[in-house]
C-alpha atoms as a PDB file:
ATOM      1  CA  UNK A   1     141.405 108.257 121.435  1.00  0.00           C
ATOM      2  CA  UNK A   2     139.799 104.807 121.861  1.00  0.00           C
ATOM      3  CA  UNK A   3     140.195 102.842 125.036  1.00  0.00           C
ATOM      4  CA  UNK A   4     142.514 100.399 123.240  1.00  0.00           C
ATOM      5  CA  UNK A   5     144.718 103.287 122.101  1.00  0.00           C
ATOM      6  CA  UNK A   6     144.652 104.617 125.634  1.00  0.00           C
ATOM      7  CA  UNK A   7     145.703 101.313 127.062  1.00  0.00           C
ATOM      8  CA  UNK A   8     148.561 101.028 124.615  1.00  0.00           C
ATOM      9  CA  UNK A   9     149.740 104.553 125.478  1.00  0.00           C
ATOM     10  CA  UNK A  10     149.599 103.700 129.191  1.00  0.00           C
ATOM     11  CA  UNK A  11     151.618 100.548 128.670  1.00  0.00           C
ATOM     12  CA  UNK A  12     154.327 102.503 126.757  1.00  0.00           C
ATOM     13  CA  UNK A  13     154.392 105.270 129.374  1.00  0.00           C
ATOM     14  CA  UNK A  14     154.769 103.041 132.437  1.00  0.00           C
ATOM     15  CA  UNK A  15     157.721 100.759 133.075  1.00  0.00           C
ATOM     16  CA  UNK A  16     155.999  97.514 133.919  1.00  0.00           C
ATOM     17  CA  UNK A  17     156.123  96.652 137.581  1.00  0.00           C
ATOM     18  CA  UNK A  18     158.728  99.213 138.487  1.00  0.00           C
ATOM     19  CA  UNK A  19     158.732 102.321 140.720  1.00  0.00           C
ATOM     20  CA  UNK A  20     160.165 105.711 139.613  1.00  0.00           C
ATOM     21  CA  UNK A  21     162.623 106.654 142.393  1.00  0.00           C
ATOM     22  CA  UNK A  22     165.006 109.565 141.961  1.00  0.00           C
ATOM     23  CA  UNK A  23     164.510 109.683 138.205  1.00  0.00           C
ATOM     24  CA  UNK A  24     165.192 105.963 137.716  1.00  0.00           C
ATOM     25  CA  UNK A  25     162.795 103.036 137.158  1.00  0.00           C
ATOM     26  CA  UNK A  26     163.638 100.420 139.837  1.00  0.00           C
ATOM     27  CA  UNK A  27     161.929  97.156 140.823  1.00  0.00           C
ATOM     28  CA  UNK A  28     159.943  97.122 144.054  1.00  0.00           C
ATOM     29  CA  UNK A  29     161.952  95.774 146.996  1.00  0.00           C
ATOM     30  CA  UNK A  30     159.424  93.052 147.748  1.00  0.00           C
ATOM     31  CA  UNK A  31     158.631  92.404 144.018  1.00  0.00           C
ATOM     32  CA  UNK A  32     154.827  92.689 144.559  1.00  0.00           C
ATOM     33  CA  UNK A  33     152.489  94.220 141.955  1.00  0.00           C
ATOM     34  CA  UNK A  34     148.882  94.650 141.247  1.00  0.00           C
ATOM     35  CA  UNK A  35     146.699  95.121 138.094  1.00  0.00           C
ATOM     36  CA  UNK A  36     145.744  98.556 136.759  1.00  0.00           C
ATOM     37  CA  UNK A  37     142.213  98.385 135.597  1.00  0.00           C
ATOM     38  CA  UNK A  38     140.632 100.685 132.983  1.00  0.00           C
ATOM     39  CA  UNK A  39     137.398 101.712 134.804  1.00  0.00           C
ATOM     40  CA  UNK A  40     135.604 102.283 131.473  1.00  0.00           C
ATOM     41  CA  UNK A  41     136.188  98.780 130.168  1.00  0.00           C
ATOM     42  CA  UNK A  42     137.121  96.740 133.169  1.00  0.00           C
ATOM     43  CA  UNK A  43     140.154  95.680 131.149  1.00  0.00           C
ATOM     44  CA  UNK A  44     143.536  95.183 132.756  1.00  0.00           C
ATOM     45  CA  UNK A  45     145.815  97.668 131.096  1.00  0.00           C
ATOM     46  CA  UNK A  46     149.078  97.161 133.049  1.00  0.00           C
ATOM     47  CA  UNK A  47     150.618  95.772 136.181  1.00  0.00           C
ATOM     48  CA  UNK A  48     151.912  98.332 138.677  1.00  0.00           C
ATOM     49  CA  UNK A  49     154.659  97.842 141.290  1.00  0.00           C
ATOM     50  CA  UNK A  50     153.331  97.758 144.818  1.00  0.00           C
ATOM     51  CA  UNK A  51     155.288 100.121 147.027  1.00  0.00           C
ATOM     52  CA  UNK A  52     156.143  98.819 150.449  1.00  0.00           C
ATOM     53  CA  UNK A  53     157.548 100.475 153.566  1.00  0.00           C
ATOM     54  CA  UNK A  54     160.962  99.358 152.371  1.00  0.00           C
ATOM     55  CA  UNK A  55     160.525 101.198 149.049  1.00  0.00           C
ATOM     56  CA  UNK A  56     159.478 104.334 150.942  1.00  0.00           C
ATOM     57  CA  UNK A  57     162.675 104.108 153.061  1.00  0.00           C
ATOM     58  CA  UNK A  58     164.804 103.744 149.863  1.00  0.00           C
ATOM     59  CA  UNK A  59     163.102 106.776 148.335  1.00  0.00           C
ATOM     60  CA  UNK A  60     163.452 108.853 151.516  1.00  0.00           C
ATOM     61  CA  UNK A  61     167.174 107.991 151.731  1.00  0.00           C
ATOM     62  CA  UNK A  62     167.802 108.936 148.112  1.00  0.00           C
ATOM     63  CA  UNK A  63     165.718 112.091 148.418  1.00  0.00           C
ATOM     64  CA  UNK A  64     167.666 113.140 151.512  1.00  0.00           C
ATOM     65  CA  UNK A  65     171.010 112.502 149.750  1.00  0.00           C
ATOM     66  CA  UNK A  66     169.883 114.579 146.773  1.00  0.00           C
ATOM     67  CA  UNK A  67     168.460 117.439 148.834  1.00  0.00           C
ATOM     68  CA  UNK A  68     171.616 117.589 150.959  1.00  0.00           C
ATOM     69  CA  UNK A  69     173.955 117.703 147.942  1.00  0.00           C
ATOM     70  CA  UNK A  70     171.931 120.372 146.134  1.00  0.00           C
ATOM     71  CA  UNK A  71     171.330 122.490 149.216  1.00  0.00           C
ATOM     72  CA  UNK A  72     175.144 122.824 149.610  1.00  0.00           C
ATOM     73  CA  UNK A  73     175.761 124.132 146.076  1.00  0.00           C
ATOM     74  CA  UNK A  74     177.359 127.543 146.209  1.00  0.00           C
ATOM     75  CA  UNK A  75     178.143 127.526 149.951  1.00  0.00           C
END
């Protein structure tokens, strides 16, 4: 796989500038992002959502809800 092919695969794999929270791609709360750089070429291959404390709070709330609902199955 060439670095160009790798870069294309990475772009297809990642949702640009979004976070994967509870199985869904969602925009970062603050909307910030940063470049993902291929260390072999120095080429920017994508932009990645920058997770803030607010995003962590959202993820923690969703995770708590999911854990609570699955923990009570069969009780």
